[in-house]
PDB file of N, CA and C in Angstrom:
ATOM      1  N   MET A   1      -4.520   6.327  -2.044  1.00  0.00           N
ATOM      2  CA  MET A   1      -5.028   7.072  -3.179  1.00  0.00           C
ATOM      3  C   MET A   1      -3.862   7.456  -4.065  1.00  0.00           C
ATOM      4  N   LEU A   2      -3.807   6.886  -5.238  1.00  0.00           N
ATOM      5  CA  LEU A   2      -2.789   7.258  -6.192  1.00  0.00           C
ATOM      6  C   LEU A   2      -3.305   8.450  -6.972  1.00  0.00           C
ATOM      7  N   TYR A   3      -2.560   9.546  -6.916  1.00  0.00           N
ATOM      8  CA  TYR A   3      -3.035  10.796  -7.466  1.00  0.00           C
ATOM      9  C   TYR A   3      -2.223  11.180  -8.693  1.00  0.00           C
ATOM     10  N   VAL A   4      -2.896  11.600  -9.741  1.00  0.00           N
ATOM     11  CA  VAL A   4      -2.239  12.104 -10.931  1.00  0.00           C
ATOM     12  C   VAL A   4      -2.753  13.514 -11.158  1.00  0.00           C
ATOM     13  N   ASN A   5      -1.844  14.475 -11.139  1.00  0.00           N
ATOM     14  CA  ASN A   5      -2.207  15.858 -11.408  1.00  0.00           C
ATOM     15  C   ASN A   5      -2.414  15.999 -12.913  1.00  0.00           C
ATOM     16  N   PRO A   6      -3.646  16.277 -13.374  1.00  0.00           N
ATOM     17  CA  PRO A   6      -3.899  16.336 -14.812  1.00  0.00           C
ATOM     18  C   PRO A   6      -3.179  17.494 -15.499  1.00  0.00           C
ATOM     19  N   ILE A   7      -2.803  18.503 -14.755  1.00  0.00           N
ATOM     20  CA  ILE A   7      -2.115  19.646 -15.354  1.00  0.00           C
ATOM     21  C   ILE A   7      -0.657  19.312 -15.638  1.00  0.00           C
ATOM     22  N   ASN A   8      -0.009  18.643 -14.702  1.00  0.00           N
ATOM     23  CA  ASN A   8       1.415  18.346 -14.843  1.00  0.00           C
ATOM     24  C   ASN A   8       1.702  16.942 -15.346  1.00  0.00           C
ATOM     25  N   TYR A   9       0.673  16.191 -15.719  1.00  0.00           N
ATOM     26  CA  TYR A   9       0.874  14.799 -16.093  1.00  0.00           C
ATOM     27  C   TYR A   9       1.575  14.702 -17.445  1.00  0.00           C
ATOM     28  N   VAL A  10       2.627  13.914 -17.473  1.00  0.00           N
ATOM     29  CA  VAL A  10       3.341  13.632 -18.706  1.00  0.00           C
ATOM     30  C   VAL A  10       3.294  12.125 -18.893  1.00  0.00           C
ATOM     31  N   VAL A  11       2.938  11.709 -20.082  1.00  0.00           N
ATOM     32  CA  VAL A  11       2.864  10.276 -20.357  1.00  0.00           C
ATOM     33  C   VAL A  11       4.263   9.694 -20.205  1.00  0.00           C
ATOM     34  N   PRO A  12       4.396   8.653 -19.394  1.00  0.00           N
ATOM     35  CA  PRO A  12       5.724   8.044 -19.229  1.00  0.00           C
ATOM     36  C   PRO A  12       6.259   7.536 -20.559  1.00  0.00           C
ATOM     37  N   ASN A  13       7.536   7.675 -20.738  1.00  0.00           N
ATOM     38  CA  ASN A  13       8.176   7.253 -21.978  1.00  0.00           C
ATOM     39  C   ASN A  13       8.605   5.794 -21.877  1.00  0.00           C
ATOM     40  N   ILE A  14       7.640   4.927 -21.558  1.00  0.00           N
ATOM     41  CA  ILE A  14       7.916   3.503 -21.398  1.00  0.00           C
ATOM     42  C   ILE A  14       7.052   2.741 -22.387  1.00  0.00           C
ATOM     43  N   ASN A  15       7.691   1.918 -23.167  1.00  0.00           N
ATOM     44  CA  ASN A  15       6.981   1.091 -24.124  1.00  0.00           C
ATOM     45  C   ASN A  15       6.723  -0.267 -23.483  1.00  0.00           C
ATOM     46  N   LEU A  16       5.495  -0.485 -23.025  1.00  0.00           N
ATOM     47  CA  LEU A  16       5.165  -1.728 -22.330  1.00  0.00           C
ATOM     48  C   LEU A  16       5.094  -2.921 -23.266  1.00  0.00           C
ATOM     49  N   SER A  17       5.075  -2.663 -24.578  1.00  0.00           N
ATOM     50  CA  SER A  17       5.087  -3.781 -25.508  1.00  0.00           C
ATOM     51  C   SER A  17       6.525  -4.190 -25.815  1.00  0.00           C
ATOM     52  N   GLY A  18       7.483  -3.572 -25.144  1.00  0.00           N
ATOM     53  CA  GLY A  18       8.900  -3.863 -25.351  1.00  0.00           C
ATOM     54  C   GLY A  18       9.305  -5.170 -24.722  1.00  0.00           C
ATOM     55  N   SER A  19      10.551  -5.223 -24.295  1.00  0.00           N
ATOM     56  CA  SER A  19      11.098  -6.469 -23.781  1.00  0.00           C
ATOM     57  C   SER A  19      10.411  -6.868 -22.477  1.00  0.00           C
ATOM     58  N   GLU A  20      10.515  -8.138 -22.191  1.00  0.00           N
ATOM     59  CA  GLU A  20       9.898  -8.664 -20.966  1.00  0.00           C
ATOM     60  C   GLU A  20      10.596  -8.108 -19.732  1.00  0.00           C
ATOM     61  N   ASP A  21      11.900  -7.866 -19.833  1.00  0.00           N
ATOM     62  CA  ASP A  21      12.646  -7.318 -18.702  1.00  0.00           C
ATOM     63  C   ASP A  21      12.148  -5.932 -18.317  1.00  0.00           C
ATOM     64  N   VAL A  22      11.830  -5.108 -19.314  1.00  0.00           N
ATOM     65  CA  VAL A  22      11.309  -3.760 -19.037  1.00  0.00           C
ATOM     66  C   VAL A  22       9.951  -3.858 -18.368  1.00  0.00           C
ATOM     67  N   ARG A  23       9.108  -4.752 -18.858  1.00  0.00           N
ATOM     68  CA  ARG A  23       7.784  -4.930 -18.258  1.00  0.00           C
ATOM     69  C   ARG A  23       7.893  -5.430 -16.824  1.00  0.00           C
ATOM     70  N   LYS A  24       8.819  -6.343 -16.558  1.00  0.00           N
ATOM     71  CA  LYS A  24       9.014  -6.841 -15.195  1.00  0.00           C
ATOM     72  C   LYS A  24       9.491  -5.717 -14.282  1.00  0.00           C
ATOM     73  N   LYS A  25      10.400  -4.888 -14.776  1.00  0.00           N
ATOM     74  CA  LYS A  25      10.940  -3.791 -13.971  1.00  0.00           C
ATOM     75  C   LYS A  25       9.843  -2.793 -13.624  1.00  0.00           C
ATOM     76  N   VAL A  26       9.036  -2.421 -14.605  1.00  0.00           N
ATOM     77  CA  VAL A  26       7.940  -1.472 -14.370  1.00  0.00           C
ATOM     78  C   VAL A  26       6.939  -2.050 -13.379  1.00  0.00           C
ATOM     79  N   ALA A  27       6.585  -3.321 -13.548  1.00  0.00           N
ATOM     80  CA  ALA A  27       5.625  -3.962 -12.643  1.00  0.00           C
ATOM     81  C   ALA A  27       6.191  -4.047 -11.227  1.00  0.00           C
ATOM     82  N   GLY A  28       7.470  -4.383 -11.104  1.00  0.00           N
ATOM     83  CA  GLY A  28       8.097  -4.467  -9.788  1.00  0.00           C
ATOM     84  C   GLY A  28       8.139  -3.121  -9.094  1.00  0.00           C
ATOM     85  N   GLU A  29       8.477  -2.073  -9.832  1.00  0.00           N
ATOM     86  CA  GLU A  29       8.525  -0.737  -9.248  1.00  0.00           C
ATOM     87  C   GLU A  29       7.144  -0.256  -8.819  1.00  0.00           C
ATOM     88  N   GLU A  30       6.125  -0.570  -9.611  1.00  0.00           N
ATOM     89  CA  GLU A  30       4.765  -0.172  -9.236  1.00  0.00           C
ATOM     90  C   GLU A  30       4.286  -0.926  -8.006  1.00  0.00           C
ATOM     91  N   MET A  31       4.652  -2.201  -7.901  1.00  0.00           N
ATOM     92  CA  MET A  31       4.286  -2.970  -6.709  1.00  0.00           C
ATOM     93  C   MET A  31       4.995  -2.407  -5.484  1.00  0.00           C
ATOM     94  N   GLU A  32       6.265  -2.039  -5.642  1.00  0.00           N
ATOM     95  CA  GLU A  32       7.012  -1.439  -4.535  1.00  0.00           C
ATOM     96  C   GLU A  32       6.377  -0.117  -4.128  1.00  0.00           C
ATOM     97  N   ARG A  33       5.993   0.675  -5.117  1.00  0.00           N
ATOM     98  CA  ARG A  33       5.367   1.970  -4.840  1.00  0.00           C
ATOM     99  C   ARG A  33       4.057   1.776  -4.077  1.00  0.00           C
ATOM    100  N   LEU A  34       3.250   0.825  -4.528  1.00  0.00           N
ATOM    101  CA  LEU A  34       1.968   0.567  -3.864  1.00  0.00           C
ATOM    102  C   LEU A  34       2.183   0.084  -2.435  1.00  0.00           C
ATOM    103  N   PHE A  35       3.146  -0.825  -2.245  1.00  0.00           N
ATOM    104  CA  PHE A  35       3.448  -1.325  -0.904  1.00  0.00           C
ATOM    105  C   PHE A  35       3.886  -0.184   0.012  1.00  0.00           C
ATOM    106  N   LEU A  36       4.785   0.660  -0.476  1.00  0.00           N
ATOM    107  CA  LEU A  36       5.277   1.767   0.336  1.00  0.00           C
ATOM    108  C   LEU A  36       4.177   2.779   0.633  1.00  0.00           C
ATOM    109  N   TYR A  37       3.296   2.998  -0.324  1.00  0.00           N
ATOM    110  CA  TYR A  37       2.170   3.906  -0.101  1.00  0.00           C
ATOM    111  C   TYR A  37       1.293   3.395   1.046  1.00  0.00           C
ATOM    112  N   GLU A  38       0.952   2.118   0.990  1.00  0.00           N
ATOM    113  CA  GLU A  38       0.116   1.528   2.041  1.00  0.00           C
ATOM    114  C   GLU A  38       0.844   1.548   3.387  1.00  0.00           C
ATOM    115  N   LEU A  39       2.147   1.299   3.361  1.00  0.00           N
ATOM    116  CA  LEU A  39       2.932   1.329   4.583  1.00  0.00           C
ATOM    117  C   LEU A  39       2.921   2.726   5.206  1.00  0.00           C
ATOM    118  N   LEU A  40       3.152   3.742   4.396  1.00  0.00           N
ATOM    119  CA  LEU A  40       3.132   5.121   4.896  1.00  0.00           C
ATOM    120  C   LEU A  40       1.751   5.505   5.420  1.00  0.00           C
ATOM    121  N   LYS A  41       0.719   5.067   4.709  1.00  0.00           N
ATOM    122  CA  LYS A  41      -0.652   5.371   5.133  1.00  0.00           C
ATOM    123  C   LYS A  41      -0.942   4.767   6.506  1.00  0.00           C
ATOM    124  N   GLU A  42      -0.545   3.520   6.703  1.00  0.00           N
ATOM    125  CA  GLU A  42      -0.772   2.868   7.995  1.00  0.00           C
ATOM    126  C   GLU A  42       0.079   3.499   9.093  1.00  0.00           C
ATOM    127  N   MET A  43       1.297   3.886   8.768  1.00  0.00           N
ATOM    128  CA  MET A  43       2.157   4.533   9.762  1.00  0.00           C
ATOM    129  C   MET A  43       1.567   5.877  10.189  1.00  0.00           C
ATOM    130  N   ARG A  44       0.994   6.597   9.238  1.00  0.00           N
ATOM    131  CA  ARG A  44       0.424   7.905   9.555  1.00  0.00           C
ATOM    132  C   ARG A  44      -0.800   7.770  10.463  1.00  0.00           C
ATOM    133  N   LYS A  45      -1.497   6.641  10.414  1.00  0.00           N
ATOM    134  CA  LYS A  45      -2.659   6.422  11.279  1.00  0.00           C
ATOM    135  C   LYS A  45      -2.278   6.362  12.751  1.00  0.00           C
ATOM    136  N   THR A  46      -1.023   6.073  13.037  1.00  0.00           N
ATOM    137  CA  THR A  46      -0.591   5.958  14.425  1.00  0.00           C
ATOM    138  C   THR A  46      -0.358   7.312  15.082  1.00  0.00           C
ATOM    139  N   ILE A  47      -0.363   8.383  14.292  1.00  0.00           N
ATOM    140  CA  ILE A  47      -0.160   9.720  14.847  1.00  0.00           C
ATOM    141  C   ILE A  47      -1.454  10.184  15.500  1.00  0.00           C
ATOM    142  N   VAL A  48      -1.366  10.598  16.740  1.00  0.00           N
ATOM    143  CA  VAL A  48      -2.539  11.038  17.488  1.00  0.00           C
ATOM    144  C   VAL A  48      -2.920  12.448  17.043  1.00  0.00           C
ATOM    145  N   ALA A  49      -4.210  12.635  16.740  1.00  0.00           N
ATOM    146  CA  ALA A  49      -4.689  13.959  16.338  1.00  0.00           C
ATOM    147  C   ALA A  49      -4.649  14.903  17.533  1.00  0.00           C
ATOM    148  N   SER A  50      -4.324  16.146  17.261  1.00  0.00           N
ATOM    149  CA  SER A  50      -4.262  17.128  18.340  1.00  0.00           C
ATOM    150  C   SER A  50      -5.248  18.260  18.056  1.00  0.00           C
ATOM    151  N   LYS A  51      -5.479  19.077  19.041  1.00  0.00           N
ATOM    152  CA  LYS A  51      -6.368  20.226  18.861  1.00  0.00           C
ATOM    153  C   LYS A  51      -5.744  21.249  17.916  1.00  0.00           C
ATOM    154  N   LEU A  52      -4.425  21.280  17.884  1.00  0.00           N
ATOM    155  CA  LEU A  52      -3.737  22.216  17.017  1.00  0.00           C
ATOM    156  C   LEU A  52      -3.926  21.854  15.546  1.00  0.00           C
ATOM    157  N   PHE A  53      -3.890  20.550  15.241  1.00  0.00           N
ATOM    158  CA  PHE A  53      -4.075  20.076  13.869  1.00  0.00           C
ATOM    159  C   PHE A  53      -5.175  19.023  13.839  1.00  0.00           C
ATOM    160  N   PRO A  54      -6.442  19.434  13.836  1.00  0.00           N
ATOM    161  CA  PRO A  54      -7.539  18.466  13.858  1.00  0.00           C
ATOM    162  C   PRO A  54      -7.636  17.692  12.537  1.00  0.00           C
ATOM    163  N   GLN A  55      -8.212  16.486  12.619  1.00  0.00           N
ATOM    164  CA  GLN A  55      -8.429  15.671  11.427  1.00  0.00           C
ATOM    165  C   GLN A  55      -9.587  16.250  10.624  1.00  0.00           C
ATOM    166  N   ASN A  56      -9.411  16.376   9.329  1.00  0.00           N
ATOM    167  CA  ASN A  56     -10.503  16.734   8.432  1.00  0.00           C
ATOM    168  C   ASN A  56     -10.210  16.158   7.050  1.00  0.00           C
ATOM    169  N   SER A  57     -11.189  16.232   6.151  1.00  0.00           N
ATOM    170  CA  SER A  57     -11.032  15.591   4.845  1.00  0.00           C
ATOM    171  C   SER A  57      -9.933  16.250   4.011  1.00  0.00           C
ATOM    172  N   THR A  58      -9.744  17.547   4.160  1.00  0.00           N
ATOM    173  CA  THR A  58      -8.697  18.234   3.415  1.00  0.00           C
ATOM    174  C   THR A  58      -7.326  17.708   3.819  1.00  0.00           C
ATOM    175  N   LYS A  59      -7.139  17.528   5.102  1.00  0.00           N
ATOM    176  CA  LYS A  59      -5.868  17.022   5.613  1.00  0.00           C
ATOM    177  C   LYS A  59      -5.633  15.590   5.124  1.00  0.00           C
ATOM    178  N   GLU A  60      -6.686  14.786   5.097  1.00  0.00           N
ATOM    179  CA  GLU A  60      -6.561  13.413   4.618  1.00  0.00           C
ATOM    180  C   GLU A  60      -6.147  13.368   3.150  1.00  0.00           C
ATOM    181  N   ILE A  61      -6.746  14.225   2.339  1.00  0.00           N
ATOM    182  CA  ILE A  61      -6.392  14.277   0.918  1.00  0.00           C
ATOM    183  C   ILE A  61      -4.943  14.713   0.753  1.00  0.00           C
ATOM    184  N   TYR A  62      -4.539  15.716   1.512  1.00  0.00           N
ATOM    185  CA  TYR A  62      -3.157  16.183   1.459  1.00  0.00           C
ATOM    186  C   TYR A  62      -2.193  15.058   1.837  1.00  0.00           C
ATOM    187  N   TYR A  63      -2.480  14.354   2.918  1.00  0.00           N
ATOM    188  CA  TYR A  63      -1.597  13.275   3.349  1.00  0.00           C
ATOM    189  C   TYR A  63      -1.582  12.120   2.353  1.00  0.00           C
ATOM    190  N   ASP A  64      -2.716  11.836   1.704  1.00  0.00           N
ATOM    191  CA  ASP A  64      -2.736  10.810   0.670  1.00  0.00           C
ATOM    192  C   ASP A  64      -1.803  11.184  -0.480  1.00  0.00           C
ATOM    193  N   MET A  65      -1.885  12.426  -0.917  1.00  0.00           N
ATOM    194  CA  MET A  65      -1.010  12.879  -2.006  1.00  0.00           C
ATOM    195  C   MET A  65       0.451  12.885  -1.562  1.00  0.00           C
ATOM    196  N   LEU A  66       0.707  13.301  -0.328  1.00  0.00           N
ATOM    197  CA  LEU A  66       2.066  13.326   0.200  1.00  0.00           C
ATOM    198  C   LEU A  66       2.627  11.900   0.311  1.00  0.00           C
ATOM    199  N   ASN A  67       1.822  10.984   0.826  1.00  0.00           N
ATOM    200  CA  ASN A  67       2.254   9.585   0.928  1.00  0.00           C
ATOM    201  C   ASN A  67       2.559   9.011  -0.444  1.00  0.00           C
ATOM    202  N   ASP A  68       1.734   9.341  -1.439  1.00  0.00           N
ATOM    203  CA  ASP A  68       1.956   8.849  -2.785  1.00  0.00           C
ATOM    204  C   ASP A  68       3.257   9.404  -3.355  1.00  0.00           C
ATOM    205  N   ALA A  69       3.513  10.677  -3.126  1.00  0.00           N
ATOM    206  CA  ALA A  69       4.748  11.290  -3.617  1.00  0.00           C
ATOM    207  C   ALA A  69       5.970  10.665  -2.934  1.00  0.00           C
ATOM    208  N   PHE A  70       5.889  10.489  -1.625  1.00  0.00           N
ATOM    209  CA  PHE A  70       6.987   9.859  -0.892  1.00  0.00           C
ATOM    210  C   PHE A  70       7.226   8.434  -1.401  1.00  0.00           C
ATOM    211  N   ALA A  71       6.144   7.681  -1.543  1.00  0.00           N
ATOM    212  CA  ALA A  71       6.263   6.293  -2.002  1.00  0.00           C
ATOM    213  C   ALA A  71       6.868   6.235  -3.397  1.00  0.00           C
ATOM    214  N   GLY A  72       6.467   7.150  -4.267  1.00  0.00           N
ATOM    215  CA  GLY A  72       7.012   7.182  -5.621  1.00  0.00           C
ATOM    216  C   GLY A  72       8.506   7.455  -5.636  1.00  0.00           C
ATOM    217  N   GLU A  73       8.932   8.412  -4.840  1.00  0.00           N
ATOM    218  CA  GLU A  73      10.358   8.737  -4.779  1.00  0.00           C
ATOM    219  C   GLU A  73      11.164   7.611  -4.138  1.00  0.00           C
ATOM    220  N   MET A  74      10.602   6.997  -3.108  1.00  0.00           N
ATOM    221  CA  MET A  74      11.300   5.890  -2.456  1.00  0.00           C
ATOM    222  C   MET A  74      11.436   4.700  -3.413  1.00  0.00           C
ATOM    223  N   ALA A  75      10.374   4.403  -4.147  1.00  0.00           N
ATOM    224  CA  ALA A  75      10.413   3.286  -5.091  1.00  0.00           C
ATOM    225  C   ALA A  75      11.368   3.594  -6.241  1.00  0.00           C
ATOM    226  N   LYS A  76      11.348   4.828  -6.710  1.00  0.00           N
ATOM    227  CA  LYS A  76      12.210   5.225  -7.818  1.00  0.00           C
ATOM    228  C   LYS A  76      13.694   5.100  -7.453  1.00  0.00           C
ATOM    229  N   SER A  77      14.020   5.382  -6.194  1.00  0.00           N
ATOM    230  CA  SER A  77      15.424   5.315  -5.778  1.00  0.00           C
ATOM    231  C   SER A  77      15.941   3.880  -5.794  1.00  0.00           C
ATOM    232  N   GLY A  78      15.070   2.917  -5.547  1.00  0.00           N
ATOM    233  CA  GLY A  78      15.465   1.514  -5.555  1.00  0.00           C
ATOM    234  C   GLY A  78      16.312   1.100  -4.365  1.00  0.00           C
ATOM    235  N   GLN A  79      16.451   1.961  -3.384  1.00  0.00           N
ATOM    236  CA  GLN A  79      17.319   1.666  -2.255  1.00  0.00           C
ATOM    237  C   GLN A  79      16.773   0.568  -1.349  1.00  0.00           C
ATOM    238  N   LEU A  80      15.474   0.406  -1.318  1.00  0.00           N
ATOM    239  CA  LEU A  80      14.897  -0.633  -0.461  1.00  0.00           C
ATOM    240  C   LEU A  80      14.993  -2.018  -1.104  1.00  0.00           C
ATOM    241  N   GLY A  81      15.055  -2.083  -2.408  1.00  0.00           N
ATOM    242  CA  GLY A  81      15.231  -3.352  -3.100  1.00  0.00           C
ATOM    243  C   GLY A  81      13.999  -4.229  -3.168  1.00  0.00           C
ATOM    244  N   ILE A  82      12.841  -3.668  -2.877  1.00  0.00           N
ATOM    245  CA  ILE A  82      11.611  -4.472  -2.897  1.00  0.00           C
ATOM    246  C   ILE A  82      11.283  -4.893  -4.328  1.00  0.00           C
ATOM    247  N   ALA A  83      11.405  -3.976  -5.280  1.00  0.00           N
ATOM    248  CA  ALA A  83      11.103  -4.295  -6.675  1.00  0.00           C
ATOM    249  C   ALA A  83      12.046  -5.383  -7.189  1.00  0.00           C
ATOM    250  N   LYS A  84      13.311  -5.267  -6.845  1.00  0.00           N
ATOM    251  CA  LYS A  84      14.301  -6.262  -7.265  1.00  0.00           C
ATOM    252  C   LYS A  84      13.952  -7.638  -6.707  1.00  0.00           C
ATOM    253  N   GLN A  85      13.534  -7.673  -5.452  1.00  0.00           N
ATOM    254  CA  GLN A  85      13.164  -8.943  -4.822  1.00  0.00           C
ATOM    255  C   GLN A  85      11.908  -9.526  -5.463  1.00  0.00           C
ATOM    256  N   ILE A  86      10.945  -8.667  -5.780  1.00  0.00           N
ATOM    257  CA  ILE A  86       9.720  -9.132  -6.450  1.00  0.00           C
ATOM    258  C   ILE A  86      10.068  -9.748  -7.797  1.00  0.00           C
ATOM    259  N   ILE A  87      10.931  -9.089  -8.545  1.00  0.00           N
ATOM    260  CA  ILE A  87      11.332  -9.591  -9.867  1.00  0.00           C
ATOM    261  C   ILE A  87      12.056 -10.928  -9.732  1.00  0.00           C
ATOM    262  N   GLN A  88      12.984 -11.027  -8.779  1.00  0.00           N
ATOM    263  CA  GLN A  88      13.714 -12.282  -8.576  1.00  0.00           C
ATOM    264  C   GLN A  88      12.772 -13.417  -8.192  1.00  0.00           C
ATOM    265  N   ASN A  89      11.840 -13.149  -7.288  1.00  0.00           N
ATOM    266  CA  ASN A  89      10.891 -14.185  -6.870  1.00  0.00           C
ATOM    267  C   ASN A  89       9.989 -14.609  -8.016  1.00  0.00           C
ATOM    268  N   THR A  90       9.565 -13.649  -8.815  1.00  0.00           N
ATOM    269  CA  THR A  90       8.714 -13.952  -9.966  1.00  0.00           C
ATOM    270  C   THR A  90       9.456 -14.819 -10.972  1.00  0.00           C
ATOM    271  N   GLU A  91      10.716 -14.470 -11.235  1.00  0.00           N
ATOM    272  CA  GLU A  91      11.515 -15.260 -12.181  1.00  0.00           C
ATOM    273  C   GLU A  91      11.754 -16.672 -11.669  1.00  0.00           C
ATOM    274  N   THR A  92      12.003 -16.819 -10.369  1.00  0.00           N
ATOM    275  CA  THR A  92      12.208 -18.137  -9.774  1.00  0.00           C
ATOM    276  C   THR A  92      10.951 -18.983  -9.911  1.00  0.00           C
ATOM    277  N   MET A  93       9.805 -18.393  -9.598  1.00  0.00           N
ATOM    278  CA  MET A  93       8.546 -19.133  -9.724  1.00  0.00           C
ATOM    279  C   MET A  93       8.276 -19.508 -11.176  1.00  0.00           C
ATOM    280  N   GLN A  94       8.565 -18.605 -12.101  1.00  0.00           N
ATOM    281  CA  GLN A  94       8.352 -18.890 -13.516  1.00  0.00           C
ATOM    282  C   GLN A  94       9.238 -20.041 -13.979  1.00  0.00           C
ATOM    283  N   GLN A  95      10.489 -20.083 -13.506  1.00  0.00           N
ATOM    284  CA  GLN A  95      11.387 -21.188 -13.856  1.00  0.00           C
ATOM    285  C   GLN A  95      10.858 -22.516 -13.322  1.00  0.00           C
ATOM    286  N   LYS A  96      10.340 -22.505 -12.104  1.00  0.00           N
ATOM    287  CA  LYS A  96       9.782 -23.730 -11.533  1.00  0.00           C
ATOM    288  C   LYS A  96       8.580 -24.210 -12.344  1.00  0.00           C
ATOM    289  N   ILE A  97       7.733 -23.266 -12.738  1.00  0.00           N
ATOM    290  CA  ILE A  97       6.562 -23.625 -13.552  1.00  0.00           C
ATOM    291  C   ILE A  97       7.001 -24.175 -14.897  1.00  0.00           C
ATOM    292  N   ASP A  98       7.980 -23.508 -15.519  1.00  0.00           N
ATOM    293  CA  ASP A  98       8.481 -23.967 -16.818  1.00  0.00           C
ATOM    294  C   ASP A  98       9.101 -25.355 -16.709  1.00  0.00           C
ATOM    295  N   ASN A  99       9.875 -25.594 -15.648  1.00  0.00           N
ATOM    296  CA  ASN A  99      10.503 -26.913 -15.450  1.00  0.00           C
ATOM    297  C   ASN A  99       9.459 -27.990 -15.230  1.00  0.00           C
ATOM    298  N   ALA A 100       8.428 -27.689 -14.449  1.00  0.00           N
ATOM    299  CA  ALA A 100       7.368 -28.671 -14.204  1.00  0.00           C
ATOM    300  C   ALA A 100       6.604 -28.979 -15.485  1.00  0.00           C
ATOM    301  N   THR A 101       6.345 -27.952 -16.264  1.00  0.00           N
ATOM    302  CA  THR A 101       5.627 -28.143 -17.532  1.00  0.00           C
ATOM    303  C   THR A 101       6.472 -28.962 -18.499  1.00  0.00           C
ATOM    304  N   GLU A 102       7.762 -28.653 -18.535  1.00  0.00           N
ATOM    305  CA  GLU A 102       8.671 -29.369 -19.431  1.00  0.00           C
ATOM    306  C   GLU A 102       8.803 -30.833 -19.037  1.00  0.00           C
ATOM    307  N   SER A 103       8.894 -31.098 -17.735  1.00  0.00           N
ATOM    308  CA  SER A 103       9.033 -32.487 -17.290  1.00  0.00           C
ATOM    309  C   SER A 103       7.759 -33.283 -17.566  1.00  0.00           C
ATOM    310  N   LYS A 104       6.609 -32.649 -17.463  1.00  0.00           N
ATOM    311  CA  LYS A 104       5.351 -33.341 -17.774  1.00  0.00           C
ATOM    312  C   LYS A 104       5.277 -33.677 -19.257  1.00  0.00           C
ATOM    313  N   SER A 105       5.732 -32.751 -20.098  1.00  0.00           N
ATOM    314  CA  SER A 105       5.647 -32.984 -21.541  1.00  0.00           C
ATOM    315  C   SER A 105       6.650 -34.043 -21.990  1.00  0.00           C
ATOM    316  N   THR A 106       7.807 -34.136 -21.325  1.00  0.00           N
ATOM    317  CA  THR A 106       8.793 -35.154 -21.710  1.00  0.00           C
ATOM    318  C   THR A 106       8.413 -36.531 -21.189  1.00  0.00           C
ATOM    319  N   HIS A 107       7.678 -36.598 -20.098  1.00  0.00           N
ATOM    320  CA  HIS A 107       7.252 -37.891 -19.536  1.00  0.00           C
ATOM    321  C   HIS A 107       5.913 -38.349 -20.100  1.00  0.00           C
ATOM    322  N   GLY A 108       5.323 -37.519 -20.943  1.00  0.00           N
ATOM    323  CA  GLY A 108       4.081 -37.913 -21.580  1.00  0.00           C
ATOM    324  C   GLY A 108       2.881 -37.894 -20.674  1.00  0.00           C
ATOM    325  N   VAL A 109       2.884 -37.086 -19.652  1.00  0.00           N
ATOM    326  CA  VAL A 109       1.746 -37.024 -18.727  1.00  0.00           C
ATOM    327  C   VAL A 109       0.783 -35.995 -19.205  1.00  0.00           C
TER     328      VAL A 109
END
C-alpha cells in the first residue's frame, strides 16, 4: 500500500516532460521503491504473531505505511543500486532494439 498523507503532501518538483535521463531516473527509483516495499511486506509476514501484539487491521495499516516509508528512504539513498541497474538494463535493451531496427532498415527488410 503506497500511502500519501494528504495533509503533508507536497507536489514533487520534478518535470517529467524534461530530459529522458530524468524520466529514467524517476522511473528507476519508483521501481526500486516498489520492489523494496514488496520485499519488506513479505519479510514482515514471517514474524510470528504473539499474544502480546495480536494481528489486527490497524496494525496492518501501520506496517504498510511503515514499510512504504522504509522503502522510500532506502530507494532514495541509492545504496542498493537497484534503480541504477534497472536503468542500465533498460538502456542496453533499448540499444539492442535500436540496432536491430537500424539493421533491418539498412538491409531493406
